[in-house]
Amino acid sequence: KSSQKPALLRDVGALIGKNISKKVENPKEAAHLLWLLAVSGVGSPVTAIAEVLEYYLSQPGSPHWHKITKLAKDDTPGANVELEKYFLEAHRLTSAQLCKHVASNREEVLLHIDGTVSGFTNPTDFRLDRNLDANMIIHGHGPRGRLGRDTFLAYGTAMLKVAARTEGLRIAPGKMGELKKVYVAGKRHYLTADWAYVVDEPTSWKLCFDQLPV
């Protein structure tokens, strides 16, 4: 750990790089670790925020969008905590990679990708008072697990806030506004804009807006 406090997000990356370089004697191995860390921190958060926004900008999540836009304009710590809850609950409801569901209409047991188990009653209901364990988040495991979890949560909450502060944000009309999904061996994938290739992250979804946040 370093006593130096990062001023910008890019400073965090520099500090992580310095700390890893100190602990790994081989510079090539340090470079590989940093590269893998950067790559693993991109796909899952990008997919999650797309799925969360699709939920809130369409049914059944649209009734919550007005409250989210109000919270997004409030820069207090309490508002950010509430936004995090909105992000996590929509993530729970929409993620196909999150876990295996062993569920009925009244109870749901989640087998997480790290092997832990948790349960929720009335799993199809939207509720902000659930105890959403951090293990339900899709992020890296092993040595980078904690960093991956924190990065994922910070990114997802921040992106939801930026999106909610964008005036008139809405799904584009027609096929442009369709988040194109396919399922292969039970796993959700996405299609490119021309529907020609299957990819792991959504890349072709279009949104419209009236004004960017100031």
Protein backbone atom coordinates (compact mmCIF):
# COMPACT_ATOMS: atom_id res chain seq x y z
CA LYS A 1 0.00 0.00 0.00
CA SER A 2 1.09 3.55 -0.60
CA SER A 3 0.47 6.63 1.53
CA GLN A 4 0.13 8.71 -1.63
CA LYS A 5 -3.48 9.64 -2.34
CA PRO A 6 -4.51 9.53 -5.99
CA ALA A 7 -6.06 12.75 -7.32
CA LEU A 8 -7.43 11.31 -10.57
CA LEU A 9 -8.60 7.89 -11.71
CA ARG A 10 -5.50 7.47 -13.89
CA ASP A 11 -3.37 8.01 -10.78
CA VAL A 12 -4.95 4.89 -9.27
CA GLY A 13 -3.67 2.83 -12.20
CA ALA A 14 -0.18 4.26 -11.78
CA LEU A 15 -0.15 3.38 -8.08
CA ILE A 16 -1.39 -0.15 -8.78
CA GLY A 17 1.35 -0.56 -11.39
CA LYS A 18 4.05 0.61 -9.00
CA ASN A 19 2.87 -1.69 -6.21
CA ILE A 20 2.68 -4.74 -8.48
CA SER A 21 6.13 -3.97 -9.91
CA LYS A 22 7.58 -3.90 -6.38
CA LYS A 23 6.12 -7.30 -5.52
CA VAL A 24 6.92 -9.06 -8.81
CA GLU A 25 10.63 -9.30 -9.62
CA ASN A 26 10.18 -10.06 -13.32
CA PRO A 27 9.07 -6.91 -15.24
CA LYS A 28 7.53 -9.06 -17.97
CA GLU A 29 5.36 -10.90 -15.46
CA ALA A 30 4.33 -7.56 -13.91
CA ALA A 31 3.33 -6.28 -17.36
CA HIS A 32 1.26 -9.41 -18.01
CA LEU A 33 -0.53 -9.02 -14.66
CA LEU A 34 -1.35 -5.37 -15.35
CA TRP A 35 -2.60 -6.16 -18.84
CA LEU A 36 -4.85 -8.97 -17.62
CA LEU A 37 -6.12 -6.80 -14.77
CA ALA A 38 -7.06 -4.03 -17.21
CA VAL A 39 -8.83 -6.41 -19.60
CA SER A 40 -10.77 -8.18 -16.85
CA GLY A 41 -11.97 -4.82 -15.57
CA VAL A 42 -13.68 -3.89 -18.84
CA GLY A 43 -16.00 -6.60 -20.11
CA SER A 44 -18.11 -7.39 -17.05
CA PRO A 45 -18.85 -3.77 -15.99
CA VAL A 46 -19.69 -2.75 -19.58
CA THR A 47 -22.10 -5.67 -19.94
CA ALA A 48 -23.66 -4.99 -16.55
CA ILE A 49 -24.34 -1.30 -17.14
CA ALA A 50 -25.90 -2.06 -20.54
CA GLU A 51 -28.22 -4.64 -18.97
CA VAL A 52 -29.08 -2.31 -16.07
CA LEU A 53 -29.86 0.61 -18.39
CA GLU A 54 -31.97 -1.59 -20.64
CA TYR A 55 -33.96 -2.59 -17.55
CA TYR A 56 -34.55 0.96 -16.35
CA LEU A 57 -35.24 2.50 -19.76
CA SER A 58 -37.89 -0.09 -20.62
CA GLN A 59 -40.53 -2.10 -18.79
CA PRO A 60 -40.63 -3.18 -16.02
CA GLY A 61 -37.90 -0.90 -14.65
CA SER A 62 -39.01 2.42 -16.15
CA PRO A 63 -41.17 3.46 -13.13
CA HIS A 64 -37.94 3.73 -11.09
CA TRP A 65 -36.12 5.97 -13.59
CA HIS A 66 -37.56 9.28 -12.31
CA LYS A 67 -36.29 8.56 -8.77
CA ILE A 68 -32.89 7.57 -10.15
CA THR A 69 -32.61 10.85 -12.11
CA LYS A 70 -33.34 12.80 -8.91
CA LEU A 71 -30.69 10.87 -6.98
CA ALA A 72 -28.19 11.39 -9.80
CA LYS A 73 -28.44 15.17 -9.42
CA ASP A 74 -27.78 14.91 -5.69
CA ASP A 75 -24.03 14.71 -4.97
CA THR A 76 -24.39 13.73 -1.31
CA PRO A 77 -22.92 10.43 -0.05
CA GLY A 78 -26.39 9.20 0.88
CA ALA A 79 -27.65 9.64 -2.68
CA ASN A 80 -24.66 7.69 -4.02
CA VAL A 81 -25.41 4.84 -1.61
CA GLU A 82 -29.01 4.74 -2.90
CA LEU A 83 -27.81 4.74 -6.51
CA GLU A 84 -25.56 1.80 -5.70
CA LYS A 85 -28.62 -0.09 -4.42
CA TYR A 86 -30.49 0.66 -7.65
CA PHE A 87 -27.53 -0.57 -9.68
CA LEU A 88 -27.15 -3.80 -7.67
CA GLU A 89 -30.84 -4.72 -7.66
CA ALA A 90 -31.18 -4.25 -11.41
CA HIS A 91 -27.94 -6.19 -11.86
CA ARG A 92 -29.40 -9.04 -9.82
CA LEU A 93 -32.55 -9.08 -11.93
CA THR A 94 -30.87 -8.88 -15.34
CA SER A 95 -27.50 -10.63 -15.26
CA ALA A 96 -27.35 -13.98 -17.03
CA GLN A 97 -23.81 -14.63 -15.80
CA LEU A 98 -24.47 -13.90 -12.16
CA CYS A 99 -25.35 -17.31 -10.83
CA LYS A 100 -27.48 -20.36 -11.26
CA HIS A 101 -31.01 -19.83 -10.01
CA VAL A 102 -32.70 -22.54 -8.02
CA ALA A 103 -36.01 -20.82 -7.61
CA SER A 104 -39.74 -20.87 -7.21
CA ASN A 105 -41.99 -17.84 -7.36
CA ARG A 106 -41.52 -17.26 -3.64
CA GLU A 107 -37.91 -18.13 -2.90
CA GLU A 108 -34.65 -18.06 -4.78
CA VAL A 109 -31.31 -19.62 -3.89
CA LEU A 110 -28.33 -18.20 -5.73
CA LEU A 111 -25.25 -20.31 -6.31
CA HIS A 112 -22.58 -17.71 -6.96
CA ILE A 113 -19.67 -18.13 -9.31
CA ASP A 114 -17.30 -18.27 -6.34
CA GLY A 115 -19.26 -21.14 -4.78
CA THR A 116 -21.05 -19.19 -2.04
CA VAL A 117 -24.81 -19.34 -1.63
CA SER A 118 -27.38 -16.72 -0.71
CA GLY A 119 -31.15 -16.54 -0.87
CA PHE A 120 -33.84 -14.00 -1.63
CA THR A 121 -37.58 -14.23 -1.08
CA ASN A 122 -39.92 -13.13 -3.86
CA PRO A 123 -36.99 -13.01 -6.30
CA THR A 124 -38.87 -11.41 -9.19
CA ASP A 125 -39.87 -8.39 -7.07
CA PHE A 126 -37.83 -5.20 -7.24
CA ARG A 127 -36.67 -4.36 -3.70
CA LEU A 128 -33.95 -2.01 -2.50
CA ASP A 129 -33.88 -3.43 1.04
CA ARG A 130 -32.26 -6.73 0.06
CA ASN A 131 -28.93 -7.71 1.58
CA LEU A 132 -27.04 -7.82 -1.71
CA ASP A 133 -23.78 -9.53 -0.90
CA ALA A 134 -20.77 -8.30 -2.85
CA ASN A 135 -20.13 -11.88 -4.00
CA MET A 136 -23.08 -11.62 -6.38
CA ILE A 137 -21.16 -9.10 -8.48
CA ILE A 138 -19.46 -10.40 -11.62
CA HIS A 139 -15.81 -9.53 -11.20
CA GLY A 140 -12.37 -11.12 -11.11
CA HIS A 141 -11.56 -13.67 -8.42
CA GLY A 142 -8.33 -14.74 -6.83
CA PRO A 143 -5.61 -12.13 -6.16
CA ARG A 144 -7.46 -9.41 -8.07
CA GLY A 145 -10.90 -10.23 -6.65
CA ARG A 146 -11.25 -7.38 -4.17
CA LEU A 147 -9.96 -4.82 -6.64
CA GLY A 148 -12.27 -6.20 -9.33
CA ARG A 149 -15.28 -6.03 -7.03
CA ASP A 150 -14.61 -2.44 -5.97
CA THR A 151 -13.86 -1.34 -9.55
CA PHE A 152 -17.03 -3.00 -10.81
CA LEU A 153 -19.24 -1.40 -8.19
CA ALA A 154 -17.70 2.06 -8.53
CA TYR A 155 -17.91 1.94 -12.34
CA GLY A 156 -21.48 0.64 -12.44
CA THR A 157 -22.78 3.18 -9.93
CA ALA A 158 -20.93 6.08 -11.58
CA MET A 159 -22.14 5.14 -15.07
CA LEU A 160 -25.73 4.87 -13.84
CA LYS A 161 -25.35 8.35 -12.34
CA VAL A 162 -23.94 9.82 -15.58
CA ALA A 163 -26.69 8.18 -17.64
CA ALA A 164 -29.41 9.45 -15.31
CA ARG A 165 -28.04 13.01 -15.54
CA THR A 166 -28.24 12.89 -19.33
CA GLU A 167 -31.38 14.80 -20.33
CA GLY A 168 -33.94 12.85 -22.31
CA LEU A 169 -32.01 9.58 -22.35
CA ARG A 170 -34.06 6.97 -24.15
CA ILE A 171 -33.71 3.83 -26.25
CA ALA A 172 -33.27 4.54 -29.98
CA PRO A 173 -36.24 3.66 -32.21
CA GLY A 174 -36.49 0.45 -34.20
CA LYS A 175 -33.71 -2.10 -34.55
CA MET A 176 -31.07 0.43 -33.45
CA GLY A 177 -32.53 0.36 -29.96
CA GLU A 178 -32.56 -3.42 -29.70
CA LEU A 179 -29.91 -4.98 -27.48
CA LYS A 180 -29.30 -8.00 -29.69
CA LYS A 181 -28.84 -11.16 -27.60
CA VAL A 182 -28.38 -14.84 -28.35
CA TYR A 183 -28.00 -17.79 -26.01
CA VAL A 184 -25.33 -20.40 -26.63
CA ALA A 185 -25.21 -23.43 -24.29
CA GLY A 186 -27.31 -21.47 -21.81
CA LYS A 187 -24.96 -18.49 -21.74
CA ARG A 188 -26.04 -15.07 -22.96
CA HIS A 189 -24.02 -13.47 -25.75
CA TYR A 190 -24.53 -10.44 -27.96
CA LEU A 191 -24.55 -9.80 -31.69
CA THR A 192 -22.62 -7.19 -33.62
CA ALA A 193 -24.53 -4.39 -35.37
CA ASP A 194 -24.84 -6.41 -38.60
CA TRP A 195 -25.90 -9.53 -36.67
CA ALA A 196 -22.92 -11.35 -38.20
CA TYR A 197 -20.82 -12.19 -35.12
CA VAL A 198 -21.39 -13.35 -31.56
CA VAL A 199 -19.45 -11.39 -28.93
CA ASP A 200 -19.35 -11.40 -25.14
CA GLU A 201 -20.05 -7.69 -24.59
CA PRO A 202 -22.84 -5.50 -26.01
CA THR A 203 -21.32 -3.17 -28.61
CA SER A 204 -24.13 -2.07 -30.92
CA TRP A 205 -26.93 -0.80 -28.66
CA LYS A 206 -28.04 2.74 -29.52
CA LEU A 207 -29.52 5.35 -27.17
CA CYS A 208 -30.82 8.85 -27.89
CA PHE A 209 -30.58 11.93 -25.65
CA ASP A 210 -31.39 15.63 -25.68
CA GLN A 211 -28.44 17.06 -23.74
CA LEU A 212 -25.27 15.73 -22.13
CA PRO A 213 -24.81 16.31 -18.40
CA VAL A 214 -23.03 19.55 -17.48
